[in-house]
Amino acid sequence: MHAPPSRSRLCAPLSSDTARLARTLALGQAISLLVAITGVCSSLLAARGVSVPTSQSVINYYLLALCYGGYRLLRARRDSGSGSGGSGVAPATPWWAYAVLALVDVEANYLVVKAYAYTSMTSVMLIDCWSIVVAMALR
């Protein structure tokens, strides 16, 4: 029989890897909650005959642009303020690749939101979750 861990071991600070994993899991759960809320709201709107699939997703894109754009600006400021005169390195991925991915994402969200008008929330969520697995497998 093993002795229980000491109190000091239980209260030890998390390693950086553990903290990173915990943060990743917490953010994943937050995204899952938001996806579930989106599904419920889409189902309720579809039940009332409202069909505005692109408008439903526009707030998501504004928030993504705000968060990711802010991150990129802060990172560029940090890199240019490092005393090296800026990195001067162009992004590895061209802008048009991001534009193509954005177009695909907008169309995919349109189709997912539109699907709520034709089937139950459960089947749409199952297909949506399966698409995440497939996208990760294709990566």
Protein backbone atom coordinates (compact mmCIF):
# COMPACT_ATOMS: atom_id res chain seq x y z
CA MET A 1 0.00 0.00 0.00
CA HIS A 2 1.31 3.42 -0.96
CA ALA A 3 1.49 6.37 1.39
CA PRO A 4 -0.58 9.39 0.37
CA PRO A 5 1.41 12.19 -1.30
CA SER A 6 2.73 14.86 1.02
CA ARG A 7 0.94 18.19 1.28
CA SER A 8 3.89 20.04 -0.25
CA ARG A 9 3.77 17.83 -3.35
CA LEU A 10 0.03 18.44 -3.79
CA CYS A 11 0.44 22.22 -3.60
CA ALA A 12 3.51 22.41 -5.83
CA PRO A 13 3.20 24.80 -8.78
CA LEU A 14 2.36 23.31 -12.14
CA SER A 15 5.13 22.77 -14.64
CA SER A 16 4.96 24.86 -17.81
CA ASP A 17 3.90 21.81 -19.84
CA THR A 18 1.10 20.98 -17.42
CA ALA A 19 -0.04 24.60 -17.32
CA ARG A 20 -0.04 24.74 -21.11
CA LEU A 21 -2.06 21.52 -21.33
CA ALA A 22 -4.55 22.81 -18.74
CA ARG A 23 -4.93 26.09 -20.64
CA THR A 24 -5.42 24.22 -23.93
CA LEU A 25 -8.07 21.97 -22.40
CA ALA A 26 -9.86 24.94 -20.81
CA LEU A 27 -9.92 26.85 -24.11
CA GLY A 28 -11.17 23.74 -25.92
CA GLN A 29 -14.00 23.39 -23.43
CA ALA A 30 -14.87 27.06 -23.81
CA ILE A 31 -15.04 26.65 -27.60
CA SER A 32 -17.23 23.55 -27.18
CA LEU A 33 -19.59 25.51 -24.96
CA LEU A 34 -19.82 28.31 -27.54
CA VAL A 35 -20.46 25.80 -30.34
CA ALA A 36 -23.25 24.22 -28.28
CA ILE A 37 -24.80 27.64 -27.60
CA THR A 38 -24.60 28.43 -31.32
CA GLY A 39 -26.35 25.16 -32.08
CA VAL A 40 -29.16 25.85 -29.64
CA CYS A 41 -29.65 29.38 -30.94
CA SER A 42 -29.61 28.18 -34.56
CA SER A 43 -32.20 25.51 -33.77
CA LEU A 44 -34.45 28.03 -32.06
CA LEU A 45 -34.16 30.47 -34.97
CA ALA A 46 -34.84 27.71 -37.50
CA ALA A 47 -37.91 26.61 -35.53
CA ARG A 48 -39.25 30.17 -35.79
CA GLY A 49 -38.60 30.33 -39.52
CA VAL A 50 -35.67 32.77 -39.35
CA SER A 51 -33.03 32.08 -42.00
CA VAL A 52 -29.93 34.31 -41.66
CA PRO A 53 -27.02 31.85 -41.67
CA THR A 54 -24.28 34.27 -42.68
CA SER A 55 -25.43 36.95 -40.26
CA GLN A 56 -25.41 34.45 -37.41
CA SER A 57 -21.70 33.82 -37.93
CA VAL A 58 -20.55 37.39 -38.50
CA ILE A 59 -19.91 38.05 -34.79
CA ASN A 60 -17.60 35.02 -34.74
CA TYR A 61 -15.52 36.53 -37.52
CA TYR A 62 -15.36 39.94 -35.83
CA LEU A 63 -14.16 38.32 -32.62
CA LEU A 64 -11.58 36.24 -34.49
CA ALA A 65 -10.30 39.32 -36.31
CA LEU A 66 -10.13 41.26 -33.04
CA CYS A 67 -8.30 38.53 -31.14
CA TYR A 68 -5.99 37.29 -33.88
CA GLY A 69 -5.39 40.75 -35.35
CA GLY A 70 -4.56 42.11 -31.91
CA TYR A 71 -2.19 39.22 -31.29
CA ARG A 72 -0.43 39.80 -34.61
CA LEU A 73 -0.09 43.53 -33.92
CA LEU A 74 1.33 42.94 -30.44
CA ARG A 75 3.72 40.34 -31.80
CA ALA A 76 4.88 42.67 -34.58
CA ARG A 77 5.39 45.48 -32.07
CA ARG A 78 7.36 43.17 -29.77
CA ASP A 79 9.52 41.94 -32.64
CA SER A 80 10.22 45.43 -33.94
CA GLY A 81 10.98 46.75 -30.45
CA SER A 82 13.58 44.09 -29.71
CA GLY A 83 16.44 46.34 -30.85
CA SER A 84 17.15 44.30 -33.94
CA GLY A 85 15.25 46.68 -36.18
CA GLY A 86 12.48 44.16 -36.74
CA SER A 87 12.72 40.69 -38.10
CA GLY A 88 12.21 41.72 -41.72
CA VAL A 89 10.99 38.21 -42.50
CA ALA A 90 7.86 37.88 -44.60
CA PRO A 91 5.17 35.48 -43.35
CA ALA A 92 5.69 31.93 -44.54
CA THR A 93 2.11 31.64 -45.77
CA PRO A 94 0.90 34.04 -48.49
CA TRP A 95 -2.16 36.20 -47.82
CA TRP A 96 -4.26 34.53 -50.51
CA ALA A 97 -4.01 31.17 -48.71
CA TYR A 98 -5.66 32.76 -45.68
CA ALA A 99 -8.31 34.27 -47.97
CA VAL A 100 -9.10 30.84 -49.44
CA LEU A 101 -9.32 29.30 -45.96
CA ALA A 102 -11.60 32.14 -44.84
CA LEU A 103 -13.89 31.58 -47.82
CA VAL A 104 -14.08 27.84 -47.12
CA ASP A 105 -14.80 28.53 -43.44
CA VAL A 106 -17.58 31.02 -44.23
CA GLU A 107 -19.23 28.58 -46.62
CA ALA A 108 -18.90 25.69 -44.15
CA ASN A 109 -20.50 27.75 -41.37
CA TYR A 110 -23.25 28.80 -43.78
CA LEU A 111 -24.03 25.16 -44.56
CA VAL A 112 -23.93 24.07 -40.90
CA VAL A 113 -26.29 26.86 -39.82
CA LYS A 114 -28.54 26.19 -42.82
CA ALA A 115 -28.67 22.48 -41.90
CA TYR A 116 -30.52 23.28 -38.67
CA ALA A 117 -33.60 24.14 -40.74
CA TYR A 118 -33.75 20.65 -42.23
CA THR A 119 -32.83 18.27 -39.40
CA SER A 120 -32.51 17.98 -35.64
CA MET A 121 -29.82 19.64 -33.57
CA THR A 122 -28.42 16.25 -32.56
CA SER A 123 -27.70 15.11 -36.10
CA VAL A 124 -26.16 18.46 -37.09
CA MET A 125 -23.92 18.44 -34.01
CA LEU A 126 -22.81 14.86 -34.72
CA ILE A 127 -21.92 15.73 -38.30
CA ASP A 128 -20.21 18.93 -37.14
CA CYS A 129 -18.15 17.05 -34.55
CA TRP A 130 -17.22 14.38 -37.08
CA SER A 131 -15.99 17.08 -39.46
CA ILE A 132 -13.51 18.20 -36.79
CA VAL A 133 -12.10 14.68 -36.59
CA VAL A 134 -11.85 14.44 -40.36
CA ALA A 135 -10.16 17.85 -40.63
CA MET A 136 -7.61 16.87 -38.01
CA ALA A 137 -6.96 13.57 -39.77
CA LEU A 138 -6.40 15.36 -43.08
CA ARG A 139 -3.90 17.69 -41.48
